[in-house]
Amino acid sequence: MAGTRFDTAGAAVGTLVGLAGLLFLAQPLVGSVRVGGVAVPPFVLSAGVLGVGFALGAVLFRRQGRRTAARVHGVGALAWLALFAGASVGSQTLVVAGVLVVVAGALTLGAEAARRRGS
């Protein structure tokens, strides 16, 4: 493994995704967390952290010239930040929009993977 470089973009994004997972799992154990004077459930914070992680991934992967990874992360950022915003302000429209973008993104990735396998 002498020629392998450490992927800082992947590590940064992975760290934020891991933190989002921990926040999601902490929900039943810790209750709401005060953020700016407002009580926010950890699972809501997890969507925000995940959205920030995807946004960071979009920027970092774009800088590396990895356009497909950047686009995928950009779509993920929009979806998860919409879920975070919707849950934070109580907007069902934003929550539904976020869910639809997550589902559409997952289906698109699945279709692309199936297409590549079939080629």
PDB file of N, CA and C in Angstrom:
ATOM      1  N   MET A   1       0.797  -1.182   0.000  1.00  0.00           N
ATOM      2  CA  MET A   1       0.000   0.000   0.000  1.00  0.00           C
ATOM      3  C   MET A   1       0.848   1.259   0.000  1.00  0.00           C
ATOM      4  N   ALA A   2       2.049   1.169  -0.467  1.00  0.00           N
ATOM      5  CA  ALA A   2       2.978   2.285  -0.405  1.00  0.00           C
ATOM      6  C   ALA A   2       2.524   3.469  -1.256  1.00  0.00           C
ATOM      7  N   GLY A   3       1.803   3.234  -2.353  1.00  0.00           N
ATOM      8  CA  GLY A   3       1.420   4.318  -3.245  1.00  0.00           C
ATOM      9  C   GLY A   3       0.062   4.928  -2.951  1.00  0.00           C
ATOM     10  N   THR A   4      -0.591   4.523  -1.892  1.00  0.00           N
ATOM     11  CA  THR A   4      -1.939   5.024  -1.614  1.00  0.00           C
ATOM     12  C   THR A   4      -1.884   6.347  -0.867  1.00  0.00           C
ATOM     13  N   ARG A   5      -2.749   7.275  -1.286  1.00  0.00           N
ATOM     14  CA  ARG A   5      -2.854   8.562  -0.608  1.00  0.00           C
ATOM     15  C   ARG A   5      -4.086   8.571   0.275  1.00  0.00           C
ATOM     16  N   PHE A   6      -3.968   9.251   1.388  1.00  0.00           N
ATOM     17  CA  PHE A   6      -5.100   9.402   2.293  1.00  0.00           C
ATOM     18  C   PHE A   6      -6.115  10.337   1.661  1.00  0.00           C
ATOM     19  N   ASP A   7      -7.369   9.923   1.600  1.00  0.00           N
ATOM     20  CA  ASP A   7      -8.437  10.711   0.998  1.00  0.00           C
ATOM     21  C   ASP A   7      -9.039  11.634   2.059  1.00  0.00           C
ATOM     22  N   THR A   8      -8.531  12.869   2.120  1.00  0.00           N
ATOM     23  CA  THR A   8      -9.004  13.806   3.142  1.00  0.00           C
ATOM     24  C   THR A   8     -10.470  14.181   2.933  1.00  0.00           C
ATOM     25  N   ALA A   9     -10.895  14.307   1.682  1.00  0.00           N
ATOM     26  CA  ALA A   9     -12.295  14.639   1.415  1.00  0.00           C
ATOM     27  C   ALA A   9     -13.201  13.531   1.935  1.00  0.00           C
ATOM     28  N   GLY A  10     -12.859  12.305   1.620  1.00  0.00           N
ATOM     29  CA  GLY A  10     -13.655  11.173   2.095  1.00  0.00           C
ATOM     30  C   GLY A  10     -13.659  11.065   3.611  1.00  0.00           C
ATOM     31  N   ALA A  11     -12.515  11.352   4.225  1.00  0.00           N
ATOM     32  CA  ALA A  11     -12.429  11.291   5.691  1.00  0.00           C
ATOM     33  C   ALA A  11     -13.281  12.378   6.339  1.00  0.00           C
ATOM     34  N   ALA A  12     -13.244  13.582   5.776  1.00  0.00           N
ATOM     35  CA  ALA A  12     -14.035  14.682   6.336  1.00  0.00           C
ATOM     36  C   ALA A  12     -15.526  14.390   6.216  1.00  0.00           C
ATOM     37  N   VAL A  13     -15.932  13.951   5.045  1.00  0.00           N
ATOM     38  CA  VAL A  13     -17.346  13.629   4.830  1.00  0.00           C
ATOM     39  C   VAL A  13     -17.753  12.444   5.705  1.00  0.00           C
ATOM     40  N   GLY A  14     -16.909  11.429   5.758  1.00  0.00           N
ATOM     41  CA  GLY A  14     -17.200  10.253   6.576  1.00  0.00           C
ATOM     42  C   GLY A  14     -17.323  10.585   8.051  1.00  0.00           C
ATOM     43  N   THR A  15     -16.509  11.510   8.530  1.00  0.00           N
ATOM     44  CA  THR A  15     -16.589  11.928   9.934  1.00  0.00           C
ATOM     45  C   THR A  15     -17.932  12.584  10.225  1.00  0.00           C
ATOM     46  N   LEU A  16     -18.375  13.466   9.334  1.00  0.00           N
ATOM     47  CA  LEU A  16     -19.673  14.117   9.536  1.00  0.00           C
ATOM     48  C   LEU A  16     -20.828  13.123   9.423  1.00  0.00           C
ATOM     49  N   VAL A  17     -20.736  12.197   8.494  1.00  0.00           N
ATOM     50  CA  VAL A  17     -21.783  11.176   8.362  1.00  0.00           C
ATOM     51  C   VAL A  17     -21.819  10.302   9.614  1.00  0.00           C
ATOM     52  N   GLY A  18     -20.647   9.961  10.150  1.00  0.00           N
ATOM     53  CA  GLY A  18     -20.590   9.195  11.394  1.00  0.00           C
ATOM     54  C   GLY A  18     -21.202   9.959  12.560  1.00  0.00           C
ATOM     55  N   LEU A  19     -20.900  11.252  12.658  1.00  0.00           N
ATOM     56  CA  LEU A  19     -21.486  12.085  13.710  1.00  0.00           C
ATOM     57  C   LEU A  19     -23.004  12.142  13.573  1.00  0.00           C
ATOM     58  N   ALA A  20     -23.488  12.251  12.341  1.00  0.00           N
ATOM     59  CA  ALA A  20     -24.935  12.258  12.113  1.00  0.00           C
ATOM     60  C   ALA A  20     -25.559  10.945  12.588  1.00  0.00           C
ATOM     61  N   GLY A  21     -24.893   9.835  12.311  1.00  0.00           N
ATOM     62  CA  GLY A  21     -25.389   8.534  12.765  1.00  0.00           C
ATOM     63  C   GLY A  21     -25.427   8.436  14.273  1.00  0.00           C
ATOM     64  N   LEU A  22     -24.386   8.939  14.929  1.00  0.00           N
ATOM     65  CA  LEU A  22     -24.364   8.931  16.395  1.00  0.00           C
ATOM     66  C   LEU A  22     -25.484   9.792  16.983  1.00  0.00           C
ATOM     67  N   LEU A  23     -25.723  10.950  16.380  1.00  0.00           N
ATOM     68  CA  LEU A  23     -26.822  11.798  16.849  1.00  0.00           C
ATOM     69  C   LEU A  23     -28.169  11.088  16.696  1.00  0.00           C
ATOM     70  N   PHE A  24     -28.334  10.408  15.575  1.00  0.00           N
ATOM     71  CA  PHE A  24     -29.583   9.679  15.339  1.00  0.00           C
ATOM     72  C   PHE A  24     -29.772   8.583  16.391  1.00  0.00           C
ATOM     73  N   LEU A  25     -28.705   7.852  16.673  1.00  0.00           N
ATOM     74  CA  LEU A  25     -28.782   6.767  17.648  1.00  0.00           C
ATOM     75  C   LEU A  25     -28.912   7.278  19.081  1.00  0.00           C
ATOM     76  N   ALA A  26     -28.459   8.496  19.341  1.00  0.00           N
ATOM     77  CA  ALA A  26     -28.520   9.064  20.691  1.00  0.00           C
ATOM     78  C   ALA A  26     -29.925   9.507  21.077  1.00  0.00           C
ATOM     79  N   GLN A  27     -30.810   9.643  20.108  1.00  0.00           N
ATOM     80  CA  GLN A  27     -32.156  10.169  20.357  1.00  0.00           C
ATOM     81  C   GLN A  27     -32.836   9.547  21.570  1.00  0.00           C
ATOM     82  N   PRO A  28     -32.935   8.234  21.677  1.00  0.00           N
ATOM     83  CA  PRO A  28     -33.667   7.678  22.823  1.00  0.00           C
ATOM     84  C   PRO A  28     -32.921   7.838  24.152  1.00  0.00           C
ATOM     85  N   LEU A  29     -31.641   8.132  24.098  1.00  0.00           N
ATOM     86  CA  LEU A  29     -30.828   8.188  25.314  1.00  0.00           C
ATOM     87  C   LEU A  29     -30.712   9.586  25.914  1.00  0.00           C
ATOM     88  N   VAL A  30     -30.718  10.622  25.080  1.00  0.00           N
ATOM     89  CA  VAL A  30     -30.401  11.956  25.590  1.00  0.00           C
ATOM     90  C   VAL A  30     -31.547  12.950  25.555  1.00  0.00           C
ATOM     91  N   GLY A  31     -32.578  12.711  24.798  1.00  0.00           N
ATOM     92  CA  GLY A  31     -33.645  13.706  24.702  1.00  0.00           C
ATOM     93  C   GLY A  31     -33.188  14.893  23.874  1.00  0.00           C
ATOM     94  N   SER A  32     -33.912  15.988  23.982  1.00  0.00           N
ATOM     95  CA  SER A  32     -33.608  17.167  23.169  1.00  0.00           C
ATOM     96  C   SER A  32     -32.334  17.863  23.632  1.00  0.00           C
ATOM     97  N   VAL A  33     -31.694  18.528  22.660  1.00  0.00           N
ATOM     98  CA  VAL A  33     -30.473  19.287  22.908  1.00  0.00           C
ATOM     99  C   VAL A  33     -30.797  20.759  22.667  1.00  0.00           C
ATOM    100  N   ARG A  34     -30.303  21.644  23.528  1.00  0.00           N
ATOM    101  CA  ARG A  34     -30.553  23.075  23.358  1.00  0.00           C
ATOM    102  C   ARG A  34     -29.564  23.647  22.345  1.00  0.00           C
ATOM    103  N   VAL A  35     -30.108  24.237  21.301  1.00  0.00           N
ATOM    104  CA  VAL A  35     -29.296  24.875  20.267  1.00  0.00           C
ATOM    105  C   VAL A  35     -29.855  26.280  20.076  1.00  0.00           C
ATOM    106  N   GLY A  36     -29.075  27.264  20.443  1.00  0.00           N
ATOM    107  CA  GLY A  36     -29.539  28.642  20.302  1.00  0.00           C
ATOM    108  C   GLY A  36     -30.807  28.920  21.092  1.00  0.00           C
ATOM    109  N   GLY A  37     -30.946  28.290  22.236  1.00  0.00           N
ATOM    110  CA  GLY A  37     -32.116  28.517  23.073  1.00  0.00           C
ATOM    111  C   GLY A  37     -33.342  27.706  22.690  1.00  0.00           C
ATOM    112  N   VAL A  38     -33.211  26.865  21.675  1.00  0.00           N
ATOM    113  CA  VAL A  38     -34.335  26.051  21.211  1.00  0.00           C
ATOM    114  C   VAL A  38     -34.008  24.580  21.457  1.00  0.00           C
ATOM    115  N   ALA A  39     -34.967  23.840  21.978  1.00  0.00           N
ATOM    116  CA  ALA A  39     -34.774  22.399  22.191  1.00  0.00           C
ATOM    117  C   ALA A  39     -34.963  21.672  20.865  1.00  0.00           C
ATOM    118  N   VAL A  40     -33.915  20.979  20.431  1.00  0.00           N
ATOM    119  CA  VAL A  40     -33.951  20.267  19.153  1.00  0.00           C
ATOM    120  C   VAL A  40     -33.641  18.795  19.413  1.00  0.00           C
ATOM    121  N   PRO A  41     -34.512  17.889  18.925  1.00  0.00           N
ATOM    122  CA  PRO A  41     -34.226  16.456  19.083  1.00  0.00           C
ATOM    123  C   PRO A  41     -32.960  16.070  18.298  1.00  0.00           C
ATOM    124  N   PRO A  42     -32.147  15.174  18.843  1.00  0.00           N
ATOM    125  CA  PRO A  42     -30.914  14.772  18.145  1.00  0.00           C
ATOM    126  C   PRO A  42     -31.152  14.220  16.739  1.00  0.00           C
ATOM    127  N   PHE A  43     -32.286  13.543  16.512  1.00  0.00           N
ATOM    128  CA  PHE A  43     -32.501  13.006  15.159  1.00  0.00           C
ATOM    129  C   PHE A  43     -32.693  14.131  14.148  1.00  0.00           C
ATOM    130  N   VAL A  44     -33.214  15.278  14.591  1.00  0.00           N
ATOM    131  CA  VAL A  44     -33.336  16.433  13.695  1.00  0.00           C
ATOM    132  C   VAL A  44     -31.945  17.009  13.421  1.00  0.00           C
ATOM    133  N   LEU A  45     -31.136  17.125  14.471  1.00  0.00           N
ATOM    134  CA  LEU A  45     -29.761  17.586  14.286  1.00  0.00           C
ATOM    135  C   LEU A  45     -28.982  16.656  13.356  1.00  0.00           C
ATOM    136  N   SER A  46     -29.260  15.362  13.446  1.00  0.00           N
ATOM    137  CA  SER A  46     -28.536  14.411  12.592  1.00  0.00           C
ATOM    138  C   SER A  46     -28.782  14.694  11.116  1.00  0.00           C
ATOM    139  N   ALA A  47     -30.002  15.088  10.761  1.00  0.00           N
ATOM    140  CA  ALA A  47     -30.289  15.430   9.365  1.00  0.00           C
ATOM    141  C   ALA A  47     -29.497  16.659   8.941  1.00  0.00           C
ATOM    142  N   GLY A  48     -29.377  17.649   9.830  1.00  0.00           N
ATOM    143  CA  GLY A  48     -28.596  18.840   9.513  1.00  0.00           C
ATOM    144  C   GLY A  48     -27.120  18.540   9.341  1.00  0.00           C
ATOM    145  N   VAL A  49     -26.560  17.729  10.247  1.00  0.00           N
ATOM    146  CA  VAL A  49     -25.143  17.360  10.153  1.00  0.00           C
ATOM    147  C   VAL A  49     -24.904  16.539   8.890  1.00  0.00           C
ATOM    148  N   LEU A  50     -25.826  15.640   8.573  1.00  0.00           N
ATOM    149  CA  LEU A  50     -25.692  14.846   7.349  1.00  0.00           C
ATOM    150  C   LEU A  50     -25.738  15.749   6.117  1.00  0.00           C
ATOM    151  N   GLY A  51     -26.638  16.728   6.126  1.00  0.00           N
ATOM    152  CA  GLY A  51     -26.708  17.684   5.020  1.00  0.00           C
ATOM    153  C   GLY A  51     -25.427  18.478   4.859  1.00  0.00           C
ATOM    154  N   VAL A  52     -24.850  18.916   5.980  1.00  0.00           N
ATOM    155  CA  VAL A  52     -23.581  19.650   5.935  1.00  0.00           C
ATOM    156  C   VAL A  52     -22.468  18.738   5.413  1.00  0.00           C
ATOM    157  N   GLY A  53     -22.477  17.475   5.842  1.00  0.00           N
ATOM    158  CA  GLY A  53     -21.479  16.524   5.352  1.00  0.00           C
ATOM    159  C   GLY A  53     -21.569  16.334   3.848  1.00  0.00           C
ATOM    160  N   PHE A  54     -22.789  16.195   3.352  1.00  0.00           N
ATOM    161  CA  PHE A  54     -22.969  16.051   1.900  1.00  0.00           C
ATOM    162  C   PHE A  54     -22.549  17.322   1.169  1.00  0.00           C
ATOM    163  N   ALA A  55     -22.874  18.492   1.729  1.00  0.00           N
ATOM    164  CA  ALA A  55     -22.481  19.757   1.093  1.00  0.00           C
ATOM    165  C   ALA A  55     -20.959  19.882   1.043  1.00  0.00           C
ATOM    166  N   LEU A  56     -20.300  19.522   2.138  1.00  0.00           N
ATOM    167  CA  LEU A  56     -18.837  19.540   2.163  1.00  0.00           C
ATOM    168  C   LEU A  56     -18.290  18.576   1.112  1.00  0.00           C
ATOM    169  N   GLY A  57     -18.894  17.403   1.024  1.00  0.00           N
ATOM    170  CA  GLY A  57     -18.469  16.431   0.015  1.00  0.00           C
ATOM    171  C   GLY A  57     -18.613  16.981  -1.390  1.00  0.00           C
ATOM    172  N   ALA A  58     -19.713  17.686  -1.654  1.00  0.00           N
ATOM    173  CA  ALA A  58     -19.930  18.262  -2.984  1.00  0.00           C
ATOM    174  C   ALA A  58     -18.809  19.234  -3.340  1.00  0.00           C
ATOM    175  N   VAL A  59     -18.454  20.090  -2.391  1.00  0.00           N
ATOM    176  CA  VAL A  59     -17.393  21.077  -2.639  1.00  0.00           C
ATOM    177  C   VAL A  59     -16.034  20.389  -2.805  1.00  0.00           C
ATOM    178  N   LEU A  60     -15.706  19.491  -1.886  1.00  0.00           N
ATOM    179  CA  LEU A  60     -14.395  18.851  -1.922  1.00  0.00           C
ATOM    180  C   LEU A  60     -14.222  17.958  -3.147  1.00  0.00           C
ATOM    181  N   PHE A  61     -15.254  17.191  -3.487  1.00  0.00           N
ATOM    182  CA  PHE A  61     -15.143  16.315  -4.652  1.00  0.00           C
ATOM    183  C   PHE A  61     -15.094  17.127  -5.949  1.00  0.00           C
ATOM    184  N   ARG A  62     -15.779  18.255  -5.979  1.00  0.00           N
ATOM    185  CA  ARG A  62     -15.722  19.121  -7.159  1.00  0.00           C
ATOM    186  C   ARG A  62     -14.306  19.670  -7.340  1.00  0.00           C
ATOM    187  N   ARG A  63     -13.684  20.064  -6.234  1.00  0.00           N
ATOM    188  CA  ARG A  63     -12.307  20.566  -6.302  1.00  0.00           C
ATOM    189  C   ARG A  63     -11.337  19.500  -6.781  1.00  0.00           C
ATOM    190  N   GLN A  64     -11.654  18.240  -6.507  1.00  0.00           N
ATOM    191  CA  GLN A  64     -10.800  17.134  -6.952  1.00  0.00           C
ATOM    192  C   GLN A  64     -11.095  16.742  -8.398  1.00  0.00           C
ATOM    193  N   GLY A  65     -12.097  17.378  -8.990  1.00  0.00           N
ATOM    194  CA  GLY A  65     -12.467  17.047 -10.358  1.00  0.00           C
ATOM    195  C   GLY A  65     -13.388  15.842 -10.468  1.00  0.00           C
ATOM    196  N   ARG A  66     -13.903  15.380  -9.356  1.00  0.00           N
ATOM    197  CA  ARG A  66     -14.802  14.214  -9.342  1.00  0.00           C
ATOM    198  C   ARG A  66     -16.242  14.728  -9.444  1.00  0.00           C
ATOM    199  N   ARG A  67     -16.635  15.076 -10.660  1.00  0.00           N
ATOM    200  CA  ARG A  67     -17.910  15.760 -10.881  1.00  0.00           C
ATOM    201  C   ARG A  67     -19.125  14.922 -10.520  1.00  0.00           C
ATOM    202  N   THR A  68     -19.104  13.639 -10.827  1.00  0.00           N
ATOM    203  CA  THR A  68     -20.254  12.800 -10.500  1.00  0.00           C
ATOM    204  C   THR A  68     -20.447  12.712  -8.993  1.00  0.00           C
ATOM    205  N   ALA A  69     -19.364  12.473  -8.267  1.00  0.00           N
ATOM    206  CA  ALA A  69     -19.445  12.414  -6.806  1.00  0.00           C
ATOM    207  C   ALA A  69     -19.906  13.756  -6.249  1.00  0.00           C
ATOM    208  N   ALA A  70     -19.446  14.856  -6.837  1.00  0.00           N
ATOM    209  CA  ALA A  70     -19.855  16.190  -6.382  1.00  0.00           C
ATOM    210  C   ALA A  70     -21.349  16.394  -6.596  1.00  0.00           C
ATOM    211  N   ARG A  71     -21.864  15.990  -7.756  1.00  0.00           N
ATOM    212  CA  ARG A  71     -23.307  16.145  -8.031  1.00  0.00           C
ATOM    213  C   ARG A  71     -24.142  15.304  -7.088  1.00  0.00           C
ATOM    214  N   VAL A  72     -23.722  14.076  -6.871  1.00  0.00           N
ATOM    215  CA  VAL A  72     -24.457  13.182  -5.976  1.00  0.00           C
ATOM    216  C   VAL A  72     -24.497  13.770  -4.564  1.00  0.00           C
ATOM    217  N   HIS A  73     -23.365  14.267  -4.103  1.00  0.00           N
ATOM    218  CA  HIS A  73     -23.325  14.856  -2.771  1.00  0.00           C
ATOM    219  C   HIS A  73     -24.136  16.152  -2.707  1.00  0.00           C
ATOM    220  N   GLY A  74     -24.154  16.914  -3.784  1.00  0.00           N
ATOM    221  CA  GLY A  74     -24.963  18.134  -3.820  1.00  0.00           C
ATOM    222  C   GLY A  74     -26.448  17.838  -3.690  1.00  0.00           C
ATOM    223  N   VAL A  75     -26.911  16.819  -4.402  1.00  0.00           N
ATOM    224  CA  VAL A  75     -28.316  16.418  -4.300  1.00  0.00           C
ATOM    225  C   VAL A  75     -28.620  15.915  -2.888  1.00  0.00           C
ATOM    226  N   GLY A  76     -27.714  15.118  -2.335  1.00  0.00           N
ATOM    227  CA  GLY A  76     -27.902  14.640  -0.965  1.00  0.00           C
ATOM    228  C   GLY A  76     -27.966  15.785   0.030  1.00  0.00           C
ATOM    229  N   ALA A  77     -27.118  16.792  -0.172  1.00  0.00           N
ATOM    230  CA  ALA A  77     -27.119  17.961   0.720  1.00  0.00           C
ATOM    231  C   ALA A  77     -28.462  18.671   0.671  1.00  0.00           C
ATOM    232  N   LEU A  78     -28.979  18.892  -0.532  1.00  0.00           N
ATOM    233  CA  LEU A  78     -30.287  19.546  -0.657  1.00  0.00           C
ATOM    234  C   LEU A  78     -31.377  18.755   0.049  1.00  0.00           C
ATOM    235  N   ALA A  79     -31.359  17.451  -0.143  1.00  0.00           N
ATOM    236  CA  ALA A  79     -32.393  16.601   0.441  1.00  0.00           C
ATOM    237  C   ALA A  79     -32.341  16.629   1.967  1.00  0.00           C
ATOM    238  N   TRP A  80     -31.166  16.382   2.533  1.00  0.00           N
ATOM    239  CA  TRP A  80     -31.052  16.295   3.990  1.00  0.00           C
ATOM    240  C   TRP A  80     -31.209  17.649   4.664  1.00  0.00           C
ATOM    241  N   LEU A  81     -30.760  18.724   4.010  1.00  0.00           N
ATOM    242  CA  LEU A  81     -30.966  20.046   4.594  1.00  0.00           C
ATOM    243  C   LEU A  81     -32.434  20.463   4.519  1.00  0.00           C
ATOM    244  N   ALA A  82     -33.138  20.012   3.483  1.00  0.00           N
ATOM    245  CA  ALA A  82     -34.584  20.266   3.428  1.00  0.00           C
ATOM    246  C   ALA A  82     -35.295  19.520   4.554  1.00  0.00           C
ATOM    247  N   LEU A  83     -34.894  18.277   4.807  1.00  0.00           N
ATOM    248  CA  LEU A  83     -35.472  17.524   5.926  1.00  0.00           C
ATOM    249  C   LEU A  83     -35.178  18.213   7.252  1.00  0.00           C
ATOM    250  N   PHE A  84     -33.950  18.669   7.429  1.00  0.00           N
ATOM    251  CA  PHE A  84     -33.562  19.364   8.654  1.00  0.00           C
ATOM    252  C   PHE A  84     -34.371  20.647   8.834  1.00  0.00           C
ATOM    253  N   ALA A  85     -34.425  21.449   7.783  1.00  0.00           N
ATOM    254  CA  ALA A  85     -35.165  22.714   7.863  1.00  0.00           C
ATOM    255  C   ALA A  85     -36.650  22.462   8.107  1.00  0.00           C
ATOM    256  N   GLY A  86     -37.202  21.500   7.389  1.00  0.00           N
ATOM    257  CA  GLY A  86     -38.624  21.195   7.559  1.00  0.00           C
ATOM    258  C   GLY A  86     -38.956  20.731   8.965  1.00  0.00           C
ATOM    259  N   ALA A  87     -38.128  19.852   9.503  1.00  0.00           N
ATOM    260  CA  ALA A  87     -38.362  19.363  10.863  1.00  0.00           C
ATOM    261  C   ALA A  87     -38.116  20.459  11.893  1.00  0.00           C
ATOM    262  N   SER A  88     -37.175  21.348  11.619  1.00  0.00           N
ATOM    263  CA  SER A  88     -36.847  22.419  12.564  1.00  0.00           C
ATOM    264  C   SER A  88     -37.956  23.457  12.668  1.00  0.00           C
ATOM    265  N   VAL A  89     -38.554  23.793  11.545  1.00  0.00           N
ATOM    266  CA  VAL A  89     -39.583  24.844  11.556  1.00  0.00           C
ATOM    267  C   VAL A  89     -40.998  24.289  11.467  1.00  0.00           C
ATOM    268  N   GLY A  90     -41.121  22.984  11.375  1.00  0.00           N
ATOM    269  CA  GLY A  90     -42.442  22.364  11.322  1.00  0.00           C
ATOM    270  C   GLY A  90     -43.114  22.463   9.965  1.00  0.00           C
ATOM    271  N   SER A  91     -42.324  22.501   8.899  1.00  0.00           N
ATOM    272  CA  SER A  91     -42.877  22.588   7.544  1.00  0.00           C
ATOM    273  C   SER A  91     -42.994  21.199   6.927  1.00  0.00           C
ATOM    274  N   GLN A  92     -44.224  20.730   6.802  1.00  0.00           N
ATOM    275  CA  GLN A  92     -44.442  19.423   6.173  1.00  0.00           C
ATOM    276  C   GLN A  92     -44.029  19.441   4.710  1.00  0.00           C
ATOM    277  N   THR A  93     -44.172  20.580   4.061  1.00  0.00           N
ATOM    278  CA  THR A  93     -43.799  20.693   2.653  1.00  0.00           C
ATOM    279  C   THR A  93     -42.311  20.441   2.461  1.00  0.00           C
ATOM    280  N   LEU A  94     -41.476  21.047   3.320  1.00  0.00           N
ATOM    281  CA  LEU A  94     -40.033  20.823   3.214  1.00  0.00           C
ATOM    282  C   LEU A  94     -39.658  19.386   3.547  1.00  0.00           C
ATOM    283  N   VAL A  95     -40.323  18.809   4.529  1.00  0.00           N
ATOM    284  CA  VAL A  95     -40.035  17.415   4.889  1.00  0.00           C
ATOM    285  C   VAL A  95     -40.375  16.490   3.723  1.00  0.00           C
ATOM    286  N   VAL A  96     -41.548  16.674   3.141  1.00  0.00           N
ATOM    287  CA  VAL A  96     -41.946  15.836   2.003  1.00  0.00           C
ATOM    288  C   VAL A  96     -41.000  16.050   0.825  1.00  0.00           C
ATOM    289  N   ALA A  97     -40.628  17.309   0.570  1.00  0.00           N
ATOM    290  CA  ALA A  97     -39.696  17.589  -0.526  1.00  0.00           C
ATOM    291  C   ALA A  97     -38.357  16.894  -0.271  1.00  0.00           C
ATOM    292  N   GLY A  98     -37.863  16.961   0.955  1.00  0.00           N
ATOM    293  CA  GLY A  98     -36.610  16.294   1.291  1.00  0.00           C
ATOM    294  C   GLY A  98     -36.683  14.797   1.091  1.00  0.00           C
ATOM    295  N   VAL A  99     -37.781  14.197   1.541  1.00  0.00           N
ATOM    296  CA  VAL A  99     -37.959  12.750   1.378  1.00  0.00           C
ATOM    297  C   VAL A  99     -38.009  12.386  -0.106  1.00  0.00           C
ATOM    298  N   LEU A 100     -38.739  13.167  -0.889  1.00  0.00           N
ATOM    299  CA  LEU A 100     -38.843  12.888  -2.328  1.00  0.00           C
ATOM    300  C   LEU A 100     -37.475  12.981  -3.012  1.00  0.00           C
ATOM    301  N   VAL A 101     -36.675  13.969  -2.619  1.00  0.00           N
ATOM    302  CA  VAL A 101     -35.345  14.105  -3.226  1.00  0.00           C
ATOM    303  C   VAL A 101     -34.441  12.947  -2.797  1.00  0.00           C
ATOM    304  N   VAL A 102     -34.528  12.524  -1.526  1.00  0.00           N
ATOM    305  CA  VAL A 102     -33.741  11.366  -1.072  1.00  0.00           C
ATOM    306  C   VAL A 102     -34.125  10.126  -1.873  1.00  0.00           C
ATOM    307  N   VAL A 103     -35.411   9.880  -2.021  1.00  0.00           N
ATOM    308  CA  VAL A 103     -35.881   8.696  -2.755  1.00  0.00           C
ATOM    309  C   VAL A 103     -35.484   8.778  -4.225  1.00  0.00           C
ATOM    310  N   ALA A 104     -35.689   9.944  -4.841  1.00  0.00           N
ATOM    311  CA  ALA A 104     -35.329  10.102  -6.251  1.00  0.00           C
ATOM    312  C   ALA A 104     -33.827   9.917  -6.452  1.00  0.00           C
ATOM    313  N   GLY A 105     -33.033  10.462  -5.542  1.00  0.00           N
ATOM    314  CA  GLY A 105     -31.582  10.298  -5.635  1.00  0.00           C
ATOM    315  C   GLY A 105     -31.171   8.845  -5.495  1.00  0.00           C
ATOM    316  N   ALA A 106     -31.778   8.145  -4.547  1.00  0.00           N
ATOM    317  CA  ALA A 106     -31.449   6.727  -4.347  1.00  0.00           C
ATOM    318  C   ALA A 106     -31.838   5.902  -5.572  1.00  0.00           C
ATOM    319  N   LEU A 107     -33.006   6.167  -6.121  1.00  0.00           N
ATOM    320  CA  LEU A 107     -33.443   5.435  -7.316  1.00  0.00           C
ATOM    321  C   LEU A 107     -32.532   5.725  -8.501  1.00  0.00           C
ATOM    322  N   THR A 108     -32.121   6.983  -8.638  1.00  0.00           N
ATOM    323  CA  THR A 108     -31.222   7.347  -9.733  1.00  0.00           C
ATOM    324  C   THR A 108     -29.878   6.643  -9.592  1.00  0.00           C
ATOM    325  N   LEU A 109     -29.339   6.624  -8.369  1.00  0.00           N
ATOM    326  CA  LEU A 109     -28.068   5.922  -8.145  1.00  0.00           C
ATOM    327  C   LEU A 109     -28.209   4.430  -8.415  1.00  0.00           C
ATOM    328  N   GLY A 110     -29.315   3.846  -7.982  1.00  0.00           N
ATOM    329  CA  GLY A 110     -29.550   2.428  -8.230  1.00  0.00           C
ATOM    330  C   GLY A 110     -29.653   2.116  -9.709  1.00  0.00           C
ATOM    331  N   ALA A 111     -30.377   2.970 -10.442  1.00  0.00           N
ATOM    332  CA  ALA A 111     -30.512   2.764 -11.884  1.00  0.00           C
ATOM    333  C   ALA A 111     -29.172   2.905 -12.589  1.00  0.00           C
ATOM    334  N   GLU A 112     -28.371   3.880 -12.152  1.00  0.00           N
ATOM    335  CA  GLU A 112     -27.053   4.062 -12.763  1.00  0.00           C
ATOM    336  C   GLU A 112     -26.142   2.868 -12.481  1.00  0.00           C
ATOM    337  N   ALA A 113     -26.196   2.362 -11.259  1.00  0.00           N
ATOM    338  CA  ALA A 113     -25.383   1.185 -10.909  1.00  0.00           C
ATOM    339  C   ALA A 113     -25.817  -0.029 -11.728  1.00  0.00           C
ATOM    340  N   ALA A 114     -27.126  -0.209 -11.895  1.00  0.00           N
ATOM    341  CA  ALA A 114     -27.628  -1.328 -12.678  1.00  0.00           C
ATOM    342  C   ALA A 114     -27.221  -1.191 -14.142  1.00  0.00           C
ATOM    343  N   ARG A 115     -27.264   0.035 -14.651  1.00  0.00           N
ATOM    344  CA  ARG A 115     -26.865   0.280 -16.036  1.00  0.00           C
ATOM    345  C   ARG A 115     -25.383  -0.038 -16.238  1.00  0.00           C
ATOM    346  N   ARG A 116     -24.563   0.376 -15.284  1.00  0.00           N
ATOM    347  CA  ARG A 116     -23.114   0.112 -15.393  1.00  0.00           C
ATOM    348  C   ARG A 116     -22.816  -1.368 -15.317  1.00  0.00           C
ATOM    349  N   ARG A 117     -23.551  -2.078 -14.461  1.00  0.00           N
ATOM    350  CA  ARG A 117     -23.343  -3.533 -14.344  1.00  0.00           C
ATOM    351  C   ARG A 117     -23.745  -4.246 -15.611  1.00  0.00           C
ATOM    352  N   GLY A 118     -24.804  -3.754 -16.248  1.00  0.00           N
ATOM    353  CA  GLY A 118     -25.308  -4.395 -17.452  1.00  0.00           C
ATOM    354  C   GLY A 118     -24.483  -4.095 -18.682  1.00  0.00           C
ATOM    355  N   SER A 119     -23.661  -3.055 -18.634  1.00  0.00           N
ATOM    356  CA  SER A 119     -22.861  -2.665 -19.813  1.00  0.00           C
ATOM    357  C   SER A 119     -21.670  -3.556 -20.003  1.00  0.00           C
TER     358      SER A 119
END
